[in-house]
Protein backbone atom coordinates (compact mmCIF):
# COMPACT_ATOMS: atom_id res chain seq x y z
CA MET A 1 -153.04 -12.41 -72.18
CA LYS A 2 -150.38 -12.15 -68.99
CA ILE A 3 -148.32 -15.04 -67.97
CA PHE A 4 -146.66 -15.64 -64.96
CA PHE A 5 -144.28 -18.49 -65.04
CA ASP A 6 -142.69 -19.92 -62.06
CA THR A 7 -139.79 -22.36 -62.77
CA LEU A 8 -138.86 -25.12 -59.62
CA GLY A 9 -135.86 -27.02 -59.44
CA CYS A 10 -132.51 -27.65 -61.29
CA ASP A 11 -131.06 -25.27 -63.83
CA LYS A 12 -132.10 -27.90 -66.33
CA ASN A 13 -135.47 -27.20 -65.94
CA LEU A 14 -134.53 -23.38 -66.19
CA SER A 15 -133.13 -24.08 -69.56
CA ASP A 16 -136.48 -25.59 -70.34
CA SER A 17 -138.53 -22.42 -69.02
CA GLU A 18 -136.77 -19.77 -71.13
CA HIS A 19 -137.05 -21.94 -74.21
CA MET A 20 -141.05 -21.86 -72.95
CA LEU A 21 -140.93 -18.10 -72.61
CA ARG A 22 -139.29 -17.68 -76.42
CA LEU A 23 -142.36 -19.59 -78.13
CA LEU A 24 -144.80 -17.52 -76.00
CA TYR A 25 -143.51 -14.17 -76.55
CA GLU A 26 -143.49 -15.17 -80.31
CA ASP A 27 -147.22 -16.49 -79.77
CA GLY A 28 -147.95 -12.79 -78.59
CA PHE A 29 -148.24 -13.49 -74.67
CA GLN A 30 -147.02 -11.19 -72.40
CA PHE A 31 -145.53 -11.73 -69.05
CA THR A 32 -146.13 -10.90 -65.44
CA ASP A 33 -144.61 -10.93 -62.01
CA ASP A 34 -147.02 -10.66 -60.11
CA GLU A 35 -149.30 -13.54 -59.77
CA GLU A 36 -152.62 -11.48 -59.05
CA ASP A 37 -151.91 -9.83 -62.74
CA ALA A 38 -151.95 -12.72 -64.29
CA ASP A 39 -154.18 -14.33 -66.57
CA ILE A 40 -152.48 -17.83 -67.01
CA ALA A 41 -149.81 -19.21 -64.51
CA VAL A 42 -146.83 -22.16 -65.52
CA VAL A 43 -145.60 -23.84 -62.77
CA ASN A 44 -142.27 -25.90 -64.31
CA THR A 45 -142.32 -28.59 -61.47
CA CYS A 46 -139.69 -30.92 -60.20
CA CYS A 47 -139.53 -34.24 -58.49
CA PHE A 48 -136.04 -34.90 -57.59
CA ILE A 49 -136.46 -35.60 -53.63
CA ASN A 50 -139.68 -35.27 -51.57
CA ASP A 51 -138.76 -32.01 -50.56
CA ALA A 52 -139.13 -30.95 -54.45
CA LYS A 53 -142.04 -32.97 -55.06
CA LYS A 54 -143.95 -31.11 -52.00
CA GLU A 55 -142.76 -27.59 -53.14
CA SER A 56 -144.49 -28.22 -56.84
CA ILE A 57 -147.55 -29.33 -55.35
CA ASP A 58 -147.86 -26.73 -53.16
CA GLU A 59 -147.14 -24.06 -55.42
CA ILE A 60 -149.64 -25.50 -57.59
CA LEU A 61 -152.40 -25.51 -54.43
CA ARG A 62 -151.41 -22.13 -53.90
CA LEU A 63 -151.91 -20.40 -57.33
CA GLY A 64 -155.02 -22.86 -57.88
CA LYS A 65 -156.69 -21.06 -55.01
CA LEU A 66 -156.05 -18.02 -57.22
CA LYS A 67 -157.96 -19.85 -60.18
CA GLU A 68 -160.82 -20.06 -57.55
CA ASN A 69 -160.71 -16.89 -56.78
CA GLY A 70 -161.49 -16.27 -60.59
CA LYS A 71 -157.93 -14.59 -60.90
CA LEU A 72 -156.63 -16.78 -63.13
CA LYS A 73 -158.00 -18.26 -66.19
CA LEU A 74 -155.66 -21.15 -66.45
CA LEU A 75 -153.18 -22.89 -64.44
CA VAL A 76 -150.62 -25.03 -66.62
CA ALA A 77 -148.26 -27.67 -65.42
CA THR A 78 -144.94 -28.68 -67.00
CA GLY A 79 -141.61 -30.79 -66.17
CA CYS A 80 -140.46 -33.15 -64.23
CA LEU A 81 -143.58 -34.22 -62.07
CA SER A 82 -145.76 -33.84 -65.03
CA GLU A 83 -143.74 -36.37 -66.76
CA ARG A 84 -143.58 -38.58 -63.47
CA PHE A 85 -147.27 -39.23 -62.73
CA ARG A 86 -148.81 -37.98 -66.20
CA ASP A 87 -151.40 -41.02 -65.70
CA SER A 88 -152.76 -39.71 -62.50
CA PHE A 89 -151.64 -36.05 -62.46
CA LEU A 90 -155.04 -34.21 -63.49
CA SER A 91 -156.93 -36.37 -61.07
CA LEU A 92 -154.67 -35.40 -58.02
CA LEU A 93 -154.42 -32.12 -58.94
CA PRO A 94 -157.77 -31.00 -60.52
CA GLU A 95 -156.70 -27.45 -60.13
CA VAL A 96 -154.69 -27.95 -63.25
CA ASP A 97 -156.07 -27.33 -66.84
CA CYS A 98 -153.00 -28.23 -69.05
CA ILE A 99 -150.49 -30.75 -68.39
CA LEU A 100 -147.60 -31.08 -70.51
CA GLY A 101 -144.36 -33.41 -70.39
CA VAL A 102 -140.66 -33.22 -70.21
CA THR A 103 -140.46 -33.40 -74.17
CA ALA A 104 -143.31 -32.11 -74.77
CA TRP A 105 -142.51 -28.19 -73.95
CA ASP A 106 -142.25 -26.81 -77.63
CA ARG A 107 -145.88 -27.44 -77.58
CA ILE A 108 -146.84 -25.46 -74.66
CA SER A 109 -148.49 -22.24 -76.81
CA GLU A 110 -150.55 -24.52 -78.98
CA VAL A 111 -152.40 -26.37 -75.33
CA ILE A 112 -152.66 -23.31 -73.85
CA ARG A 113 -154.62 -21.49 -76.78
CA ASP A 114 -156.56 -24.94 -77.36
CA ALA A 115 -157.75 -24.92 -73.74
CA LEU A 116 -158.65 -21.15 -73.59
CA ARG A 117 -160.90 -21.99 -77.20
CA ASP A 118 -162.78 -25.01 -75.67
CA GLY A 119 -162.28 -25.01 -72.23
CA GLU A 120 -161.15 -28.46 -71.69
CA LYS A 121 -158.50 -29.78 -69.70
CA HIS A 122 -155.33 -30.58 -72.36
CA GLU A 123 -152.35 -33.19 -71.82
CA GLU A 124 -149.52 -33.46 -74.18
CA PHE A 125 -146.86 -35.76 -73.90
CA SER A 126 -144.02 -37.04 -76.06
CA ASP A 127 -141.91 -40.07 -76.20
CA LYS A 128 -139.47 -39.35 -73.30
CA ASN A 129 -136.35 -40.20 -75.62
CA ARG A 130 -137.10 -37.58 -77.64
CA LEU A 131 -134.70 -34.40 -77.89
CA VAL A 132 -136.62 -30.86 -78.54
CA ALA A 133 -134.49 -28.75 -80.75
CA PRO A 134 -133.68 -25.28 -78.77
CA GLU A 135 -134.53 -22.49 -80.67
CA GLY A 136 -134.27 -18.90 -78.69
CA ARG A 137 -134.94 -18.25 -75.47
CA ILE A 138 -135.75 -15.57 -72.89
CA LEU A 139 -133.52 -15.11 -70.80
CA THR A 140 -133.98 -14.78 -66.85
CA GLY A 141 -131.03 -14.87 -64.97
CA GLY A 142 -130.28 -11.24 -65.36
CA GLY A 143 -128.62 -11.91 -68.80
CA TYR A 144 -124.68 -12.17 -68.14
CA TYR A 145 -124.88 -16.01 -67.75
CA ALA A 146 -126.66 -18.60 -69.12
CA TYR A 147 -127.04 -22.29 -68.90
CA LEU A 148 -126.39 -24.29 -72.26
CA LYS A 149 -128.15 -27.50 -72.03
CA ILE A 150 -125.69 -29.81 -73.43
CA ALA A 151 -127.43 -33.00 -73.07
CA GLU A 152 -131.06 -34.80 -71.55
CA GLY A 153 -131.68 -37.46 -69.93
CA CYS A 154 -129.16 -40.29 -68.29
CA ASN A 155 -128.08 -44.10 -68.60
CA LYS A 156 -126.42 -44.51 -65.20
CA ARG A 157 -129.09 -45.40 -63.57
CA CYS A 158 -128.19 -45.10 -59.77
CA THR A 159 -130.67 -46.58 -57.82
CA TYR A 160 -131.87 -43.77 -55.77
CA CYS A 161 -132.52 -41.79 -58.60
CA VAL A 162 -135.39 -41.20 -60.77
CA ILE A 163 -134.41 -39.15 -63.66
CA PRO A 164 -134.06 -41.62 -65.82
CA GLY A 165 -137.64 -42.61 -65.85
CA VAL A 166 -138.65 -39.03 -65.97
CA ARG A 167 -135.85 -37.55 -68.84
CA GLY A 168 -135.50 -41.23 -70.67
CA ASN A 169 -131.78 -42.14 -72.14
CA TYR A 170 -128.49 -40.07 -72.57
CA ARG A 171 -128.94 -37.83 -75.89
CA SER A 172 -126.71 -35.29 -76.84
CA VAL A 173 -128.05 -31.86 -78.33
CA PRO A 174 -126.06 -31.84 -82.09
CA MET A 175 -122.86 -29.52 -81.87
CA GLU A 176 -124.09 -27.51 -84.11
CA SER A 177 -127.05 -26.24 -82.65
CA LEU A 178 -125.44 -25.76 -79.49
CA LEU A 179 -123.08 -23.72 -81.27
CA ALA A 180 -125.42 -21.64 -82.84
CA GLU A 181 -127.45 -20.99 -79.04
CA ALA A 182 -124.26 -20.24 -77.66
CA LYS A 183 -123.45 -17.40 -80.65
CA THR A 184 -126.87 -15.83 -80.12
CA LEU A 185 -126.78 -15.89 -76.18
CA ILE A 186 -123.34 -13.96 -76.58
CA ASP A 187 -124.82 -11.52 -79.08
CA ASN A 188 -127.39 -10.71 -76.74
CA GLY A 189 -125.00 -10.05 -73.79
CA VAL A 190 -123.72 -13.08 -71.92
CA ARG A 191 -120.42 -13.17 -70.87
CA GLU A 192 -120.45 -16.52 -68.82
CA LEU A 193 -122.05 -20.19 -70.49
CA ILE A 194 -122.82 -22.37 -67.65
CA LEU A 195 -122.73 -26.36 -69.45
CA VAL A 196 -125.20 -28.72 -67.90
CA ALA A 197 -126.60 -31.77 -68.51
CA GLN A 198 -127.60 -34.96 -66.10
CA GLU A 199 -124.11 -35.86 -66.66
CA THR A 200 -122.03 -33.36 -68.81
CA THR A 201 -119.12 -35.70 -69.29
CA LEU A 202 -120.51 -37.84 -71.65
CA TYR A 203 -121.29 -35.19 -74.21
CA GLY A 204 -121.10 -36.58 -77.66
CA SER A 205 -120.94 -40.23 -77.17
CA ASP A 206 -124.15 -41.26 -78.31
CA LEU A 207 -123.92 -39.46 -81.65
CA TYR A 208 -120.01 -39.17 -82.35
CA GLY A 209 -119.37 -42.56 -80.87
CA LYS A 210 -117.13 -40.67 -78.36
CA LYS A 211 -117.02 -38.10 -75.65
CA MET A 212 -117.16 -34.95 -77.43
CA LEU A 213 -117.08 -32.40 -74.27
CA PRO A 214 -113.19 -31.44 -74.70
CA GLU A 215 -114.49 -30.60 -78.63
CA LEU A 216 -116.76 -28.51 -77.57
CA LEU A 217 -115.02 -26.73 -74.82
CA TYR A 218 -112.29 -26.08 -78.06
CA LYS A 219 -115.21 -24.54 -80.46
CA LEU A 220 -117.40 -22.80 -77.94
CA SER A 221 -113.68 -20.83 -76.64
CA GLU A 222 -113.23 -19.31 -80.28
CA LEU A 223 -116.65 -17.41 -79.61
CA GLU A 224 -115.88 -13.90 -79.66
CA GLY A 225 -117.41 -11.95 -76.80
CA LEU A 226 -117.38 -14.88 -74.11
CA GLU A 227 -115.52 -14.94 -70.98
CA TRP A 228 -116.19 -17.45 -68.77
CA ILE A 229 -117.18 -20.96 -69.31
CA ARG A 230 -117.96 -23.65 -66.35
CA ILE A 231 -118.34 -26.98 -66.31
CA LEU A 232 -121.26 -28.63 -64.13
CA TYR A 233 -122.27 -32.00 -63.74
CA ALA A 234 -119.19 -34.15 -64.32
CA TYR A 235 -119.41 -37.33 -63.28
CA PRO A 236 -116.22 -38.78 -61.75
CA GLU A 237 -115.61 -41.81 -63.73
CA GLU A 238 -115.63 -39.95 -67.33
CA ILE A 239 -113.18 -37.44 -66.65
CA THR A 240 -110.72 -38.18 -69.08
CA ASP A 241 -106.95 -36.91 -69.58
CA GLU A 242 -108.14 -34.47 -72.63
CA LEU A 243 -110.90 -33.37 -70.50
CA ILE A 244 -108.59 -31.88 -68.00
CA GLU A 245 -106.46 -31.00 -70.63
CA ALA A 246 -109.08 -28.49 -72.06
CA ILE A 247 -109.95 -27.22 -68.43
CA ARG A 248 -106.63 -26.59 -67.89
CA ASP A 249 -105.20 -25.26 -71.01
CA LEU A 250 -108.32 -23.14 -72.23
CA PRO A 251 -108.49 -19.65 -70.96
CA LYS A 252 -111.99 -19.05 -70.91
CA VAL A 253 -112.68 -22.49 -69.67
CA VAL A 254 -112.57 -21.30 -65.62
CA HIS A 255 -110.65 -23.73 -63.18
CA TYR A 256 -113.95 -25.40 -61.58
CA LEU A 257 -115.76 -28.49 -61.94
CA ASP A 258 -118.89 -29.71 -59.99
CA MET A 259 -118.19 -33.60 -59.68
CA PRO A 260 -120.73 -35.42 -57.52
CA VAL A 261 -119.58 -38.35 -55.73
CA GLN A 262 -122.47 -39.16 -53.43
CA HIS A 263 -120.82 -41.02 -51.11
CA ALA A 264 -117.02 -42.18 -50.12
CA SER A 265 -117.85 -45.92 -48.72
CA ASP A 266 -117.41 -48.62 -51.16
CA SER A 267 -120.13 -50.80 -49.77
CA VAL A 268 -122.72 -47.59 -49.83
CA LEU A 269 -121.09 -46.67 -53.32
CA LYS A 270 -122.40 -49.97 -54.70
CA ARG A 271 -125.24 -50.37 -53.28
CA MET A 272 -126.11 -46.63 -55.02
CA GLY A 273 -125.29 -48.14 -58.66
CA ARG A 274 -122.03 -45.80 -58.71
CA ARG A 275 -119.41 -47.07 -60.99
CA THR A 276 -116.36 -45.04 -58.72
CA THR A 277 -114.66 -46.62 -55.33
CA ARG A 278 -113.18 -44.38 -52.89
CA ALA A 279 -109.63 -44.95 -54.11
CA GLU A 280 -110.70 -44.27 -57.40
CA LEU A 281 -112.28 -40.97 -56.40
CA THR A 282 -109.16 -40.20 -54.76
CA ALA A 283 -107.78 -40.60 -57.65
CA VAL A 284 -109.39 -38.62 -59.70
CA ILE A 285 -109.46 -35.27 -57.50
CA GLU A 286 -105.48 -35.59 -57.32
CA LYS A 287 -105.03 -35.94 -60.80
CA LEU A 288 -107.14 -32.65 -61.19
CA ARG A 289 -105.44 -30.82 -58.28
CA LYS A 290 -101.75 -31.55 -59.67
CA GLU A 291 -102.56 -30.40 -63.39
CA ILE A 292 -104.63 -27.84 -62.57
CA PRO A 293 -103.45 -26.49 -59.15
CA ASP A 294 -105.92 -23.56 -58.77
CA ILE A 295 -109.08 -25.72 -59.41
CA THR A 296 -112.27 -25.32 -57.35
CA LEU A 297 -114.09 -28.12 -56.82
CA ARG A 298 -117.61 -28.83 -56.06
CA THR A 299 -119.78 -31.92 -54.73
CA THR A 300 -122.54 -33.11 -53.51
CA LEU A 301 -123.49 -36.31 -50.61
CA ILE A 302 -126.28 -38.05 -50.10
CA SER A 303 -126.31 -38.94 -46.17
CA GLY A 304 -128.66 -41.89 -44.68
CA PHE A 305 -128.55 -44.26 -48.04
CA PRO A 306 -130.06 -47.70 -47.01
CA GLY A 307 -127.66 -49.76 -45.13
CA GLU A 308 -125.07 -46.92 -43.98
CA THR A 309 -123.90 -47.94 -41.16
CA GLU A 310 -122.23 -45.94 -38.66
CA GLU A 311 -119.12 -46.91 -39.77
CA ASP A 312 -119.92 -45.80 -43.72
CA HIS A 313 -120.68 -42.44 -42.41
CA GLU A 314 -117.30 -42.01 -40.00
CA GLU A 315 -115.65 -43.08 -43.22
CA LEU A 316 -117.61 -40.73 -45.23
CA LEU A 317 -116.37 -37.79 -42.62
CA GLN A 318 -112.93 -38.72 -43.14
CA PHE A 319 -113.41 -38.12 -47.04
CA ILE A 320 -114.41 -34.95 -46.66
CA ARG A 321 -111.69 -34.34 -43.78
CA ASP A 322 -108.79 -35.80 -46.40
CA VAL A 323 -110.24 -34.17 -49.68
CA ARG A 324 -111.35 -30.69 -48.21
CA PHE A 325 -113.59 -30.07 -51.44
CA ASP A 326 -113.87 -25.95 -51.89
CA ARG A 327 -117.28 -26.61 -52.37
CA LEU A 328 -120.03 -28.99 -51.12
CA GLY A 329 -124.04 -29.70 -50.26
CA VAL A 330 -125.40 -32.69 -48.82
CA PHE A 331 -128.68 -34.15 -48.96
CA ALA A 332 -130.27 -36.62 -46.81
CA TYR A 333 -131.09 -39.69 -48.71
CA SER A 334 -134.94 -38.99 -49.99
CA ARG A 335 -136.58 -42.85 -50.21
CA GLU A 336 -138.47 -42.01 -53.83
CA GLU A 337 -140.97 -44.70 -55.39
CA GLY A 338 -140.03 -46.97 -57.98
CA THR A 339 -136.76 -46.73 -57.57
CA PRO A 340 -134.27 -50.00 -56.38
CA ALA A 341 -133.48 -48.23 -53.34
CA SER A 342 -136.93 -47.42 -51.76
CA SER A 343 -137.02 -51.31 -51.36
CA MET A 344 -133.89 -51.97 -49.69
CA ASP A 345 -133.50 -53.21 -46.40
CA GLY A 346 -131.49 -51.21 -44.10
CA GLN A 347 -133.81 -48.06 -44.79
CA ILE A 348 -132.59 -45.43 -41.86
CA PRO A 349 -135.21 -43.03 -39.41
CA ALA A 350 -135.08 -39.50 -40.85
CA ARG A 351 -133.67 -38.09 -37.44
CA ILE A 352 -130.50 -40.06 -38.69
CA LYS A 353 -130.09 -39.27 -41.71
CA GLU A 354 -130.76 -35.58 -40.84
CA LYS A 355 -128.34 -35.73 -38.04
CA ARG A 356 -125.92 -37.15 -40.25
CA ARG A 357 -126.10 -34.85 -43.05
CA ASN A 358 -125.65 -31.49 -40.23
CA ALA A 359 -122.53 -33.47 -39.77
CA CYS A 360 -121.35 -33.20 -42.78
CA MET A 361 -122.51 -29.78 -43.41
CA LYS A 362 -120.54 -28.44 -40.17
CA LEU A 363 -117.40 -30.24 -40.74
CA GLN A 364 -117.89 -28.72 -44.48
CA GLN A 365 -118.31 -25.13 -43.26
CA GLU A 366 -115.30 -25.48 -41.19
CA ILE A 367 -113.37 -26.28 -44.35
CA ALA A 368 -115.11 -23.78 -46.64
CA PHE A 369 -114.48 -20.93 -44.10
CA HIS A 370 -110.92 -21.57 -43.66
CA LYS A 371 -110.57 -21.85 -47.39
CA ALA A 372 -112.48 -18.44 -47.61
CA GLU A 373 -110.14 -16.79 -45.01
CA THR A 374 -107.11 -17.75 -47.37
CA LEU A 375 -108.26 -15.87 -50.20
CA THR A 376 -107.88 -12.55 -48.20
CA GLY A 377 -104.92 -10.89 -50.00
CA GLN A 378 -105.40 -11.77 -53.26
CA ILE A 379 -106.40 -10.10 -55.97
CA LEU A 380 -109.32 -12.06 -58.43
CA THR A 381 -110.86 -11.16 -61.33
CA VAL A 382 -114.79 -10.81 -60.15
CA MET A 383 -117.57 -10.48 -62.62
CA ILE A 384 -120.60 -7.99 -61.85
CA GLU A 385 -124.05 -8.94 -60.74
CA GLY A 386 -125.47 -6.12 -59.46
CA TYR A 387 -125.51 -3.07 -56.41
CA LEU A 388 -126.65 -3.40 -52.98
CA PRO A 389 -127.95 0.22 -52.57
CA ASP A 390 -128.50 -0.34 -48.79
CA GLU A 391 -125.11 -1.43 -48.16
CA GLY A 392 -123.47 0.44 -50.56
CA VAL A 393 -121.50 -2.55 -52.19
CA TYR A 394 -121.69 -4.33 -55.50
CA ALA A 395 -122.00 -7.97 -55.54
CA GLY A 396 -120.11 -10.36 -57.61
CA ARG A 397 -118.67 -13.61 -58.28
CA THR A 398 -115.57 -14.93 -58.59
CA TYR A 399 -114.43 -18.21 -61.05
CA MET A 400 -114.47 -19.91 -58.12
CA ASP A 401 -118.44 -19.33 -57.61
CA ALA A 402 -121.41 -20.52 -59.66
CA PRO A 403 -124.46 -18.83 -59.58
CA GLU A 404 -127.04 -19.62 -57.29
CA VAL A 405 -124.86 -22.36 -55.34
CA ASP A 406 -121.87 -20.63 -54.19
CA GLY A 407 -120.77 -17.44 -52.53
CA MET A 408 -120.30 -14.27 -53.39
CA ILE A 409 -117.78 -11.63 -53.11
CA PHE A 410 -119.06 -7.61 -51.80
CA ILE A 411 -117.46 -4.96 -53.63
CA ARG A 412 -116.38 -1.58 -52.89
CA SER A 413 -116.20 0.61 -56.29
CA PHE A 414 -114.49 4.29 -56.17
CA ARG A 415 -116.63 4.17 -59.83
CA GLU A 416 -119.59 3.08 -60.88
CA LEU A 417 -119.94 -0.45 -62.42
CA MET A 418 -122.43 -2.07 -64.63
CA SER A 419 -123.48 -5.93 -64.43
CA GLY A 420 -121.67 -8.19 -66.18
CA ASP A 421 -118.40 -6.14 -66.05
CA PHE A 422 -114.99 -7.91 -65.20
CA VAL A 423 -112.99 -6.09 -62.85
CA ARG A 424 -110.20 -6.99 -60.67
CA VAL A 425 -110.79 -6.94 -57.21
CA TYR A 426 -108.34 -6.80 -53.77
CA VAL A 427 -109.70 -9.40 -51.31
CA ASP A 428 -109.69 -7.97 -48.09
CA GLY A 429 -112.02 -9.78 -45.57
CA THR A 430 -114.79 -12.74 -45.52
CA SER A 431 -118.19 -12.99 -44.38
CA GLY A 432 -118.55 -16.95 -43.50
CA TYR A 433 -118.83 -18.39 -47.23
CA ASP A 434 -118.46 -14.91 -48.85
CA LEU A 435 -115.63 -12.67 -49.64
CA THR A 436 -115.28 -8.76 -49.39
CA GLY A 437 -113.02 -6.65 -51.16
CA GLU A 438 -112.30 -3.36 -53.13
CA VAL A 439 -111.95 -2.49 -56.85
CA LEU A 440 -108.44 -1.97 -58.00
CA GLU A 441 -107.62 0.67 -60.60
C-alpha cells in the first residue's frame, strides 16, 4: 500500500516524520508524492500558533475530500495538534481514522495495520514525558543535511507557549544514541548536522547533571565525513563560556547561532516569562561577537504581546537597530488558549500587531540587504544544494545560512557540480537576501 506523508511545522516535526517513514518502510509500505495515487495519507500536524493550527486543519479537510471520493482508505493524524486536542480530535475531525500523540509515533505502523484490518478508528497516546529512542530514518531533505533532535520538551514555561503542555518536560536523548544516529546519517551521505530541540543549550542537564552541549559538539566533531555542525534554538540565558569556546575552536562547528530573544523591553520580557533583560541580551551578544567576530546571529521576535505599548514597540525597533542581527524573523503574537498570556489584560488588535510586525521586518530588511552587500568581493565556502536549469546556475548555502529559513547563493560554474559538494565561491553580487557568485578553480 502507498502512503502520502505530509509534514507541517518545525524541523523537530520533520525529524519525527523521517523516523516514522523508516518504520513504515520496514513494515512493507511504499511511499508516493502524489496524494491521488495514495492509499493512506498521514499528516504530521503543528499547533504552535493559530496559523499553524489552521494549516493543519485545512490540510486534513483537504485530504478528507479524497477519502470521501474513495481515493484514500485511511487518513492518519500525528504530531502536536493531535496531542493538544487528543480528547476531542476525532469528534471535531471525523475524517480522521487514526490519531497518534507526539510520543506514540513509533506505533504508527501497528496502528495503521489495526485500522486496515478492523475498519475502526484508532487512537494511540503515551506519557508526554516518554522519550522515544530514535532508530533509523529516511531523509527527505535531499540527503546532504539532516536535523539531529537532541532533546524533547521544555521546562521554561514562557507565558505564550503551548509546547510544554504538548511535548512535556525537557528530556535529553542519551549521547551514545545521538552519536550512533549521527554516524549512520554521515554513512548515508549527510555532510551537515543541524542540532535542534526546543532548547539546545540545556542538553544533558537532566541526564548528566550539567549542560553537555559543548561535550556533544566535541564528540560529533570527531566523526569522519562530517563537514558542518549547526546549532539552532540556543536560549541566551543558557549560553556558557564553554559553549562559546566550542563554537569558536571546533572547525566543524559553523559560526552561526539561532538565539530566540522574543523582545527587548524588560516589561514585555517579564510578562512573557523570559529569563533575560535587555541588558543581559546585549551582554551575551557582545560576548559572542567579541569571541567569534564572524558569527552569524539569527533571532525571532514577537510583536503585539499583551500589554505591549508604543514605547515598548519603539524600544524593540531601537534594539534591532543597535544589535543589527544578521537574520531575524518576527511573529505577530498568537493568542493560544490555555496559556497564561491568553487571559492577560491588554490584548492588542490584530491590525496593530501586524503593523508592528511589518515595521520590525521592514527595518530588518534594510539591515539584511546592507549586510549582504558587504559580502561582495569575498570568497566563501558553499555547500551545493541543486541546479536550476532555467537559470543555468547552482543553488547553495554558506555557513551563514540555515536551510529553509535563510538566504541562498546562486552560483555560475565552469564545471559540473553535485549536490553536497563544498566549493569556494567568489561573491560578485546580491539579490535581496540572496547572493550571486562564481566558483573558483
